[in-house]
Every structure is written in structure tokens, then in C-alpha cells.
Amino acid sequence: MELPDVTLAEELLLLALDPARGRTRCDARDLSYGLAAAALADLELSGRIVEHRGRISVTDPRPPADPLLAKVLVSLVSQDGGRASRGVRVQAWVRGAAPYVEEMCARRLAERGAVRVEMRRVLRLFSTRRLPAGPLDWSTPSRDRLDAAVRSGYPDRRSRLLGAFASATGLSDALYTGLDSRRIRREMRQLAREEWPAYAVRCALEKQEAAAPRSPLALLGQ
């Protein structure tokens, strides 16, 4: 089965989810930041925004066909003050939009049959969500596409971004384990430094960690 048209954010979520357990293979907060930044990357690829020195400016306010990206663009337009504005701070936007983008991605994949939404209670105090595979297997083709990009040296910008996000979110350590995969992880780390959306994820996480170290309870969401 070929992977249908999905956004970068949706594909990153597919890669991050364990199809059987429905849990993420990387830290939940890291992933949520990555999903938000991936939505920005899609808008840049479509020519809607540009980034300069950590700020985003909207260059084309026409809504994309994809409903998630259309809503993200509206958010950016509302915050961008136009020609006189210096643009929207990437890191601040990623931190603020992460929960919304993650929820939208999960909902879209569930609506299309790629995942199932399961809510569970932990210790009768916390509600957690799991996203195991749905009736359609999109996880396998998404992994196959990433593996193909790795083997071919990331032949296009989209594949470079996907590899960069895998590293920025810590997903690369879970997908490519062992000594034999050191080269792959090293290449992905380099992509994460070169691609501004992925670099913004790492900077936002470092800033958040310095301000408020994560609680062990945060891991319950995985």
C-alpha cells in the first residue's frame, strides 16, 4: 500500500506511533513541538511563509487546500502585523500551537482510518490517550518512505525535513538503533541543524527545559 497524501506533521506522527501500543516512540512534548514546526515547514514548501532570523512572515495569505494548514496559516496571519511587522517568533509560536496541531493531526488520521483513539485512566487520576493503528496500515508505508530517503541521501527538501524532525524530536534514536545506525543518526542530526523548522524545535525545547524542567508525570502521556 502506498502512503496517501499527508502533511509533514501527519507523517511525523505516523512514524512516531507504535502501531500496536498506540504510544509514541519519543517524548510526547518533543513530538508535539515537532508536529507544530512540521506544519510551518509545509507552509514554507507551499510558498505561504518565509523565515528570517527566527521570525516568520506570511507572504501568501491564500488558504491551502489542507484544512489543518489553512488554520495554521490563519493563526500566523492574525499574529503577523504586515509589512511593518518583524514577523511571528518561531519558537514562541511552536510552543503555543503544539497542543492544537497535535490534536488536529490525531483527529485527521483517525477520521481517515489510519489510527484509533483510545482513552484510558491512569491511577484513576490522569486521562491518557493512545493511538494504535486503525483499519488502514499507513505506518508501514511511512516507515518505508523514510528508509528509502535515508538510503538515497534525502533527495528532496521534504525528505530532508522529515529526517531533520526525526532527529529534533528524538525519534531517530528509537527508529535507528544500535552501532550500525550511527551514520544515519549523525546525518539526521546534521539535517536538524541545517533546517530552520527542526532547529527551532530544539531551541524551543531547550528554552522550555531551562524555564521549567519536565516532571516525571509528563512521561505518562507516552
Protein backbone atom coordinates (compact mmCIF):
# COMPACT_ATOMS: atom_id res chain seq x y z
CA MET A 1 0.00 0.00 0.00
CA GLU A 2 1.25 3.45 -0.90
CA LEU A 3 1.04 6.26 1.61
CA PRO A 4 -1.71 8.71 0.57
CA ASP A 5 -1.25 12.45 0.63
CA VAL A 6 -0.47 13.53 4.18
CA THR A 7 1.11 16.62 5.67
CA LEU A 8 4.59 16.52 7.13
CA ALA A 9 3.07 16.74 10.59
CA GLU A 10 0.77 13.77 9.97
CA GLU A 11 3.62 11.71 8.55
CA LEU A 12 5.82 12.54 11.52
CA LEU A 13 3.06 11.41 13.88
CA LEU A 14 2.66 8.15 11.95
CA LEU A 15 6.38 7.48 12.28
CA ALA A 16 6.35 8.29 15.98
CA LEU A 17 3.46 6.00 16.93
CA ASP A 18 3.94 2.37 17.86
CA PRO A 19 1.12 0.77 15.81
CA ALA A 20 0.42 -1.97 18.37
CA ARG A 21 0.64 0.01 21.63
CA GLY A 22 -0.54 3.36 20.32
CA ARG A 23 2.16 5.17 22.27
CA THR A 24 4.83 7.49 20.95
CA ARG A 25 8.34 6.20 20.47
CA CYS A 26 9.79 9.51 21.65
CA ASP A 27 8.98 12.05 24.35
CA ALA A 28 5.43 13.35 23.93
CA ARG A 29 6.35 17.02 24.40
CA ASP A 30 9.26 16.82 21.98
CA LEU A 31 6.96 15.28 19.41
CA SER A 32 4.24 17.91 19.86
CA TYR A 33 6.75 20.69 19.20
CA GLY A 34 7.94 18.79 16.14
CA LEU A 35 4.40 18.49 14.79
CA ALA A 36 3.81 22.23 15.10
CA ALA A 37 7.08 23.05 13.36
CA ALA A 38 6.29 20.50 10.64
CA ALA A 39 3.10 22.43 9.85
CA LEU A 40 5.25 25.54 9.38
CA ALA A 41 7.56 23.58 7.10
CA ASP A 42 4.62 22.56 4.92
CA LEU A 43 3.53 26.18 4.62
CA GLU A 44 7.03 27.20 3.60
CA LEU A 45 7.14 24.43 0.99
CA SER A 46 3.89 25.75 -0.46
CA GLY A 47 5.24 29.32 -0.62
CA ARG A 48 2.92 30.72 2.05
CA ILE A 49 5.54 31.86 4.57
CA VAL A 50 9.23 32.72 4.83
CA GLU A 51 11.54 32.57 7.84
CA HIS A 52 14.26 35.07 8.65
CA ARG A 53 16.34 35.10 11.84
CA GLY A 54 13.84 33.15 13.86
CA ARG A 55 10.74 35.00 12.70
CA ILE A 56 8.01 34.09 10.23
CA SER A 57 6.38 36.41 7.73
CA VAL A 58 3.30 35.50 5.70
CA THR A 59 3.98 36.03 2.00
CA ASP A 60 0.81 34.47 0.60
CA PRO A 61 -2.33 34.53 2.80
CA ARG A 62 -4.43 32.39 0.46
CA PRO A 63 -5.62 29.32 2.41
CA PRO A 64 -4.11 25.98 1.37
CA ALA A 65 -6.42 23.12 0.45
CA ASP A 66 -5.44 21.17 3.54
CA PRO A 67 -7.71 22.25 6.44
CA LEU A 68 -5.02 21.91 9.13
CA LEU A 69 -2.53 24.03 7.22
CA ALA A 70 -5.27 26.54 6.41
CA LYS A 71 -5.99 27.02 10.12
CA VAL A 72 -2.29 27.30 10.92
CA LEU A 73 -1.92 29.98 8.25
CA VAL A 74 -4.86 31.92 9.69
CA SER A 75 -3.14 31.84 13.08
CA LEU A 76 0.04 33.24 11.58
CA VAL A 77 -1.80 35.93 9.61
CA SER A 78 -3.57 37.10 12.77
CA GLN A 79 -0.23 37.46 14.57
CA ASP A 80 1.76 38.92 11.68
CA GLY A 81 1.34 42.69 11.52
CA GLY A 82 2.03 43.03 7.82
CA ARG A 83 4.84 44.93 6.15
CA ALA A 84 5.74 46.97 9.21
CA SER A 85 5.89 43.88 11.42
CA ARG A 86 9.03 41.95 12.22
CA GLY A 87 7.03 38.73 11.90
CA VAL A 88 5.99 35.97 14.28
CA ARG A 89 8.57 34.43 16.60
CA VAL A 90 9.02 30.82 15.50
CA GLN A 91 9.85 29.33 18.90
CA ALA A 92 7.01 31.09 20.70
CA TRP A 93 4.51 30.05 18.06
CA VAL A 94 5.67 26.42 18.14
CA ARG A 95 5.28 26.24 21.92
CA GLY A 96 1.83 27.81 21.85
CA ALA A 97 0.43 25.91 18.86
CA ALA A 98 1.86 22.47 19.69
CA PRO A 99 -1.19 21.05 21.56
CA TYR A 100 -3.64 22.25 18.90
CA VAL A 101 -1.61 20.92 15.95
CA GLU A 102 -1.10 17.57 17.68
CA GLU A 103 -4.83 17.23 18.33
CA MET A 104 -5.67 18.12 14.73
CA CYS A 105 -3.20 15.58 13.36
CA ALA A 106 -4.54 12.80 15.58
CA ARG A 107 -8.12 13.64 14.64
CA ARG A 108 -7.36 13.73 10.93
CA LEU A 109 -5.57 10.37 10.99
CA ALA A 110 -8.43 8.84 12.97
CA GLU A 111 -11.03 10.19 10.55
CA ARG A 112 -9.12 8.65 7.64
CA GLY A 113 -8.78 5.25 9.33
CA ALA A 114 -5.04 5.31 9.98
CA VAL A 115 -5.33 5.26 13.80
CA ARG A 116 -7.90 4.56 16.51
CA VAL A 117 -8.35 6.87 19.50
CA GLU A 118 -8.37 5.07 22.87
CA MET A 119 -8.78 6.99 26.13
CA ARG A 120 -7.57 5.39 29.37
CA ARG A 121 -7.40 6.36 33.02
CA VAL A 122 -4.11 6.10 34.93
CA LEU A 123 -4.31 5.62 38.70
CA ARG A 124 -7.87 6.98 38.45
CA LEU A 125 -6.37 10.45 38.29
CA PHE A 126 -4.99 11.03 34.81
CA SER A 127 -6.59 10.52 31.43
CA THR A 128 -4.23 9.34 28.71
CA ARG A 129 -4.77 8.82 25.02
CA ARG A 130 -3.39 6.08 22.85
CA LEU A 131 -3.43 5.97 19.06
CA PRO A 132 -2.99 2.36 17.89
CA ALA A 133 -3.16 1.52 14.21
CA GLY A 134 -6.58 1.74 12.57
CA PRO A 135 -8.05 -0.41 9.81
CA LEU A 136 -5.67 1.11 7.25
CA ASP A 137 -1.94 0.44 7.57
CA TRP A 138 -0.25 3.78 6.97
CA SER A 139 2.58 3.15 9.43
CA THR A 140 4.42 0.67 7.22
CA PRO A 141 4.49 2.84 4.07
CA SER A 142 5.51 5.90 6.10
CA ARG A 143 8.48 3.99 7.54
CA ASP A 144 9.32 2.58 4.12
CA ARG A 145 9.37 6.08 2.66
CA LEU A 146 11.70 7.35 5.38
CA ASP A 147 14.01 4.36 4.93
CA ALA A 148 14.09 4.99 1.19
CA ALA A 149 15.02 8.63 1.79
CA VAL A 150 17.83 7.55 4.12
CA ARG A 151 19.21 5.13 1.53
CA SER A 152 19.05 7.68 -1.29
CA GLY A 153 20.59 10.52 0.71
CA TYR A 154 17.42 12.62 1.16
CA PRO A 155 16.81 13.51 -2.49
CA ASP A 156 14.36 16.37 -1.88
CA ARG A 157 13.58 19.10 0.65
CA ARG A 158 10.58 17.28 2.10
CA SER A 159 12.58 14.16 2.88
CA ARG A 160 15.33 16.29 4.40
CA LEU A 161 12.79 17.95 6.65
CA LEU A 162 11.35 14.61 7.74
CA GLY A 163 14.80 13.37 8.66
CA ALA A 164 15.52 16.61 10.48
CA PHE A 165 12.31 16.36 12.53
CA ALA A 166 13.07 12.73 13.39
CA SER A 167 16.31 13.91 14.97
CA ALA A 168 14.95 17.08 16.60
CA THR A 169 12.21 15.12 18.39
CA GLY A 170 14.47 12.24 19.44
CA LEU A 171 12.57 9.84 17.19
CA SER A 172 15.69 8.91 15.21
CA ASP A 173 17.16 7.25 18.31
CA ALA A 174 14.12 4.97 18.51
CA LEU A 175 13.83 4.21 14.80
CA TYR A 176 17.52 3.65 14.08
CA THR A 177 19.14 1.89 17.00
CA GLY A 178 22.50 0.25 17.53
CA LEU A 179 26.02 0.89 16.32
CA ASP A 180 25.15 0.07 12.71
CA SER A 181 22.84 3.09 12.56
CA ARG A 182 25.25 5.67 13.94
CA ARG A 183 25.80 7.17 10.50
CA ILE A 184 22.06 7.55 9.96
CA ARG A 185 21.57 9.30 13.31
CA ARG A 186 24.57 11.55 12.65
CA GLU A 187 23.21 12.59 9.25
CA MET A 188 19.82 13.34 10.76
CA ARG A 189 21.41 15.48 13.47
CA GLN A 190 23.14 17.48 10.78
CA LEU A 191 19.83 17.97 8.96
CA ALA A 192 18.26 19.17 12.22
CA ARG A 193 20.91 21.87 12.45
CA GLU A 194 20.53 22.93 8.83
CA GLU A 195 16.74 23.04 8.51
CA TRP A 196 15.29 26.01 10.41
CA PRO A 197 11.95 24.37 11.41
CA ALA A 198 13.74 21.46 13.09
CA TYR A 199 16.35 23.74 14.63
CA ALA A 200 13.52 25.82 16.10
CA VAL A 201 12.16 22.67 17.78
CA ARG A 202 15.44 22.02 19.57
CA CYS A 203 15.78 25.67 20.63
CA ALA A 204 12.20 25.79 21.90
CA LEU A 205 12.68 22.59 23.89
CA GLU A 206 15.92 23.82 25.43
CA LYS A 207 14.29 27.10 26.43
CA GLN A 208 11.28 25.31 27.90
CA GLU A 209 13.50 22.88 29.78
CA ALA A 210 15.54 25.71 31.28
CA ALA A 211 12.40 27.53 32.39
CA ALA A 212 10.52 24.53 33.80
CA PRO A 213 12.21 21.10 33.90
CA ARG A 214 9.72 18.45 32.93
CA SER A 215 8.02 16.42 35.62
CA PRO A 216 8.18 12.61 35.60
CA LEU A 217 4.39 12.72 35.28
CA ALA A 218 4.84 14.10 31.77
CA LEU A 219 6.02 10.68 30.68
CA LEU A 220 2.58 9.20 31.42
CA GLY A 221 1.39 10.57 28.13
CA GLN A 222 3.67 8.30 26.17
